[in-house]
Amino acid sequence: MPMRKVGDVIRGQTVVTAARTLSVFEASKKMAQARVGAIMVVEGERLTGLFTERDALNRVLATGLDPTRTTLADVMTTTLQTIDAEQPLGHAMHLMFEGGFRHVPVVKGDRPIGMVSARDALGTEMIAFEQELEQRASITELL
């Protein structure tokens, strides 16, 4: 299991947040611009919810709700699993696996400071895997 800390994974990350009154349509545009799969919903600086691309599909589109009239407050997840930046990345991965979700907000107190996703968790491991595949391909070419 990776021994990196969550803080190492989120270093340099831009925190993407929205107010609970924002429409799903506007939140989705904001997520697309930031190229993220989830947006943290805040009141002031306090994390109060999470809205993901899965929520857009399952809670809004698949149920026939109008994304221009539906607010994040109507469809966001409010029971959140969060993590501290000092925790090991393996703990975040465990939370995702056990909870069946792909995003864990990183908080300091109740203020969001980043987001760990399943994709982020594979960062250096994925790079090492790609390098190994390239090495195997070059060895195969020599044979």
C-alpha atoms as a PDB file:
ATOM      1  CA  MET A   1       0.000   0.000   0.000  1.00  0.00           C
ATOM      2  CA  PRO A   2       1.390   3.462  -0.872  1.00  0.00           C
ATOM      3  CA  MET A   3       3.086   5.224   2.025  1.00  0.00           C
ATOM      4  CA  ARG A   4       2.683   8.761   0.659  1.00  0.00           C
ATOM      5  CA  LYS A   5       0.758  11.225   2.767  1.00  0.00           C
ATOM      6  CA  VAL A   6      -2.476  12.735   1.518  1.00  0.00           C
ATOM      7  CA  GLY A   7      -0.855  16.181   1.736  1.00  0.00           C
ATOM      8  CA  ASP A   8       1.751  15.095  -0.841  1.00  0.00           C
ATOM      9  CA  VAL A   9      -1.005  14.118  -3.271  1.00  0.00           C
ATOM     10  CA  ILE A  10      -2.942  17.388  -2.974  1.00  0.00           C
ATOM     11  CA  ARG A  11       0.083  19.703  -2.940  1.00  0.00           C
ATOM     12  CA  GLY A  12      -0.474  22.472  -5.503  1.00  0.00           C
ATOM     13  CA  GLN A  13      -4.085  21.462  -6.087  1.00  0.00           C
ATOM     14  CA  THR A  14      -6.704  24.149  -6.659  1.00  0.00           C
ATOM     15  CA  VAL A  15      -9.635  23.734  -4.287  1.00  0.00           C
ATOM     16  CA  VAL A  16     -12.894  23.717  -6.256  1.00  0.00           C
ATOM     17  CA  THR A  17     -15.922  24.721  -4.209  1.00  0.00           C
ATOM     18  CA  ALA A  18     -19.471  25.953  -4.723  1.00  0.00           C
ATOM     19  CA  ALA A  19     -22.339  27.314  -2.680  1.00  0.00           C
ATOM     20  CA  ARG A  20     -25.270  24.991  -1.992  1.00  0.00           C
ATOM     21  CA  THR A  21     -27.543  27.352  -3.943  1.00  0.00           C
ATOM     22  CA  LEU A  22     -25.617  26.867  -7.198  1.00  0.00           C
ATOM     23  CA  SER A  23     -27.550  24.996  -9.890  1.00  0.00           C
ATOM     24  CA  VAL A  24     -26.376  21.554 -10.950  1.00  0.00           C
ATOM     25  CA  PHE A  25     -25.891  22.965 -14.449  1.00  0.00           C
ATOM     26  CA  GLU A  26     -23.567  25.744 -13.245  1.00  0.00           C
ATOM     27  CA  ALA A  27     -21.729  23.374 -10.898  1.00  0.00           C
ATOM     28  CA  SER A  28     -21.217  20.921 -13.761  1.00  0.00           C
ATOM     29  CA  LYS A  29     -19.772  23.701 -15.921  1.00  0.00           C
ATOM     30  CA  LYS A  30     -17.440  24.694 -13.080  1.00  0.00           C
ATOM     31  CA  MET A  31     -16.334  21.077 -12.659  1.00  0.00           C
ATOM     32  CA  ALA A  32     -15.706  20.724 -16.406  1.00  0.00           C
ATOM     33  CA  GLN A  33     -13.631  23.915 -16.487  1.00  0.00           C
ATOM     34  CA  ALA A  34     -11.537  22.728 -13.545  1.00  0.00           C
ATOM     35  CA  ARG A  35     -11.368  19.198 -14.995  1.00  0.00           C
ATOM     36  CA  VAL A  36     -12.525  17.580 -11.751  1.00  0.00           C
ATOM     37  CA  GLY A  37     -15.076  14.879 -11.053  1.00  0.00           C
ATOM     38  CA  ALA A  38     -16.371  16.353  -7.798  1.00  0.00           C
ATOM     39  CA  ILE A  39     -17.000  19.737  -6.248  1.00  0.00           C
ATOM     40  CA  MET A  40     -17.009  20.503  -2.546  1.00  0.00           C
ATOM     41  CA  VAL A  41     -20.064  22.391  -1.326  1.00  0.00           C
ATOM     42  CA  VAL A  42     -19.322  25.022   1.309  1.00  0.00           C
ATOM     43  CA  GLU A  43     -21.107  27.491   3.540  1.00  0.00           C
ATOM     44  CA  GLY A  44     -18.594  30.240   4.139  1.00  0.00           C
ATOM     45  CA  GLU A  45     -15.405  28.199   4.452  1.00  0.00           C
ATOM     46  CA  ARG A  46     -17.075  25.167   6.073  1.00  0.00           C
ATOM     47  CA  LEU A  47     -17.498  21.962   4.068  1.00  0.00           C
ATOM     48  CA  THR A  48     -21.158  20.914   4.055  1.00  0.00           C
ATOM     49  CA  GLY A  49     -21.472  18.564   1.098  1.00  0.00           C
ATOM     50  CA  LEU A  50     -20.055  16.966  -2.001  1.00  0.00           C
ATOM     51  CA  PHE A  51     -21.441  16.783  -5.526  1.00  0.00           C
ATOM     52  CA  THR A  52     -19.923  14.366  -8.031  1.00  0.00           C
ATOM     53  CA  GLU A  53     -20.299  13.451 -11.678  1.00  0.00           C
ATOM     54  CA  ARG A  54     -22.036  10.278 -10.478  1.00  0.00           C
ATOM     55  CA  ASP A  55     -24.557  12.449  -8.615  1.00  0.00           C
ATOM     56  CA  ALA A  56     -25.220  14.413 -11.811  1.00  0.00           C
ATOM     57  CA  LEU A  57     -25.952  11.190 -13.653  1.00  0.00           C
ATOM     58  CA  ASN A  58     -27.806   9.173 -11.015  1.00  0.00           C
ATOM     59  CA  ARG A  59     -29.577  11.817  -8.923  1.00  0.00           C
ATOM     60  CA  VAL A  60     -30.328  14.404 -11.592  1.00  0.00           C
ATOM     61  CA  LEU A  61     -30.340  13.171 -15.193  1.00  0.00           C
ATOM     62  CA  ALA A  62     -31.545   9.615 -14.581  1.00  0.00           C
ATOM     63  CA  THR A  63     -34.403  10.858 -12.410  1.00  0.00           C
ATOM     64  CA  GLY A  64     -35.507  13.540 -14.864  1.00  0.00           C
ATOM     65  CA  LEU A  65     -34.630  16.573 -12.744  1.00  0.00           C
ATOM     66  CA  ASP A  66     -33.886  19.833 -14.564  1.00  0.00           C
ATOM     67  CA  PRO A  67     -30.194  20.641 -13.952  1.00  0.00           C
ATOM     68  CA  THR A  68     -30.837  24.350 -14.437  1.00  0.00           C
ATOM     69  CA  ARG A  69     -33.441  24.396 -11.651  1.00  0.00           C
ATOM     70  CA  THR A  70     -31.998  21.778  -9.310  1.00  0.00           C
ATOM     71  CA  THR A  71     -29.565  23.142  -6.734  1.00  0.00           C
ATOM     72  CA  LEU A  72     -26.626  21.341  -5.206  1.00  0.00           C
ATOM     73  CA  ALA A  73     -28.478  21.368  -1.875  1.00  0.00           C
ATOM     74  CA  ASP A  74     -31.160  19.190  -3.480  1.00  0.00           C
ATOM     75  CA  VAL A  75     -28.817  16.407  -4.600  1.00  0.00           C
ATOM     76  CA  MET A  76     -25.468  16.663  -2.806  1.00  0.00           C
ATOM     77  CA  THR A  77     -24.086  14.108  -0.389  1.00  0.00           C
ATOM     78  CA  THR A  78     -24.087  15.505   3.135  1.00  0.00           C
ATOM     79  CA  THR A  79     -22.800  12.526   5.098  1.00  0.00           C
ATOM     80  CA  LEU A  80     -19.136  12.772   4.202  1.00  0.00           C
ATOM     81  CA  GLN A  81     -16.015  10.809   4.853  1.00  0.00           C
ATOM     82  CA  THR A  82     -13.117  13.271   5.079  1.00  0.00           C
ATOM     83  CA  ILE A  83      -9.426  12.934   5.726  1.00  0.00           C
ATOM     84  CA  ASP A  84      -6.608  15.003   7.184  1.00  0.00           C
ATOM     85  CA  ALA A  85      -3.580  15.877   5.030  1.00  0.00           C
ATOM     86  CA  GLU A  86      -1.233  14.102   7.455  1.00  0.00           C
ATOM     87  CA  GLN A  87      -2.959  10.740   6.997  1.00  0.00           C
ATOM     88  CA  PRO A  88      -1.366   8.117   4.737  1.00  0.00           C
ATOM     89  CA  LEU A  89      -2.753   7.845   1.215  1.00  0.00           C
ATOM     90  CA  GLY A  90      -3.509   4.202   1.940  1.00  0.00           C
ATOM     91  CA  HIS A  91      -6.085   5.320   4.494  1.00  0.00           C
ATOM     92  CA  ALA A  92      -7.866   7.426   1.848  1.00  0.00           C
ATOM     93  CA  MET A  93      -7.822   4.458  -0.525  1.00  0.00           C
ATOM     94  CA  HIS A  94      -9.302   2.275   2.225  1.00  0.00           C
ATOM     95  CA  LEU A  95     -12.097   4.808   2.841  1.00  0.00           C
ATOM     96  CA  MET A  96     -12.910   4.846  -0.884  1.00  0.00           C
ATOM     97  CA  PHE A  97     -12.914   1.061  -1.144  1.00  0.00           C
ATOM     98  CA  GLU A  98     -15.013   0.492   1.972  1.00  0.00           C
ATOM     99  CA  GLY A  99     -17.456   3.298   1.169  1.00  0.00           C
ATOM    100  CA  GLY A 100     -17.790   2.597  -2.548  1.00  0.00           C
ATOM    101  CA  PHE A 101     -16.933   6.139  -3.604  1.00  0.00           C
ATOM    102  CA  ARG A 102     -14.116   7.768  -5.582  1.00  0.00           C
ATOM    103  CA  HIS A 103     -13.516  11.118  -3.848  1.00  0.00           C
ATOM    104  CA  VAL A 104     -12.445  12.018  -0.314  1.00  0.00           C
ATOM    105  CA  PRO A 105     -12.358  15.683   0.711  1.00  0.00           C
ATOM    106  CA  VAL A 106      -9.194  16.681   2.546  1.00  0.00           C
ATOM    107  CA  VAL A 107      -9.935  19.042   5.403  1.00  0.00           C
ATOM    108  CA  LYS A 108      -8.211  21.097   8.030  1.00  0.00           C
ATOM    109  CA  GLY A 109     -10.802  21.268  10.783  1.00  0.00           C
ATOM    110  CA  ASP A 110     -13.964  21.661   8.734  1.00  0.00           C
ATOM    111  CA  ARG A 111     -12.357  23.739   5.961  1.00  0.00           C
ATOM    112  CA  PRO A 112     -11.634  21.970   2.637  1.00  0.00           C
ATOM    113  CA  ILE A 113      -8.005  22.123   1.502  1.00  0.00           C
ATOM    114  CA  GLY A 114      -8.076  19.567  -1.324  1.00  0.00           C
ATOM    115  CA  MET A 115      -9.581  16.411  -2.714  1.00  0.00           C
ATOM    116  CA  VAL A 116      -8.130  12.938  -3.108  1.00  0.00           C
ATOM    117  CA  SER A 117      -9.633  10.856  -5.891  1.00  0.00           C
ATOM    118  CA  ALA A 118      -9.117   7.261  -6.880  1.00  0.00           C
ATOM    119  CA  ARG A 119      -7.257   8.552  -9.937  1.00  0.00           C
ATOM    120  CA  ASP A 120      -4.915  10.676  -7.788  1.00  0.00           C
ATOM    121  CA  ALA A 121      -4.176   7.678  -5.634  1.00  0.00           C
ATOM    122  CA  LEU A 122      -2.698   5.916  -8.637  1.00  0.00           C
ATOM    123  CA  GLY A 123      -0.378   8.832  -9.548  1.00  0.00           C
ATOM    124  CA  THR A 124       3.177   7.542  -9.092  1.00  0.00           C
ATOM    125  CA  GLU A 125       2.081   3.926  -9.209  1.00  0.00           C
ATOM    126  CA  MET A 126       0.518   4.487 -12.647  1.00  0.00           C
ATOM    127  CA  ILE A 127       3.678   6.210 -13.911  1.00  0.00           C
ATOM    128  CA  ALA A 128       5.806   3.273 -12.714  1.00  0.00           C
ATOM    129  CA  PHE A 129       3.408   0.835 -14.400  1.00  0.00           C
ATOM    130  CA  GLU A 130       3.573   2.749 -17.706  1.00  0.00           C
ATOM    131  CA  GLN A 131       7.395   2.774 -17.539  1.00  0.00           C
ATOM    132  CA  GLU A 132       7.414  -0.973 -16.938  1.00  0.00           C
ATOM    133  CA  LEU A 133       5.167  -1.510 -19.970  1.00  0.00           C
ATOM    134  CA  GLU A 134       7.491   0.598 -22.106  1.00  0.00           C
ATOM    135  CA  GLN A 135      10.510  -1.405 -20.904  1.00  0.00           C
ATOM    136  CA  ARG A 136       8.769  -4.680 -21.714  1.00  0.00           C
ATOM    137  CA  ALA A 137       7.861  -3.396 -25.178  1.00  0.00           C
ATOM    138  CA  SER A 138      11.463  -2.387 -25.921  1.00  0.00           C
ATOM    139  CA  ILE A 139      12.773  -5.761 -24.695  1.00  0.00           C
ATOM    140  CA  THR A 140      10.236  -7.567 -26.892  1.00  0.00           C
ATOM    141  CA  GLU A 141      11.423  -5.535 -29.902  1.00  0.00           C
ATOM    142  CA  LEU A 142      15.018  -6.672 -29.273  1.00  0.00           C
ATOM    143  CA  LEU A 143      14.020 -10.329 -29.276  1.00  0.00           C
END
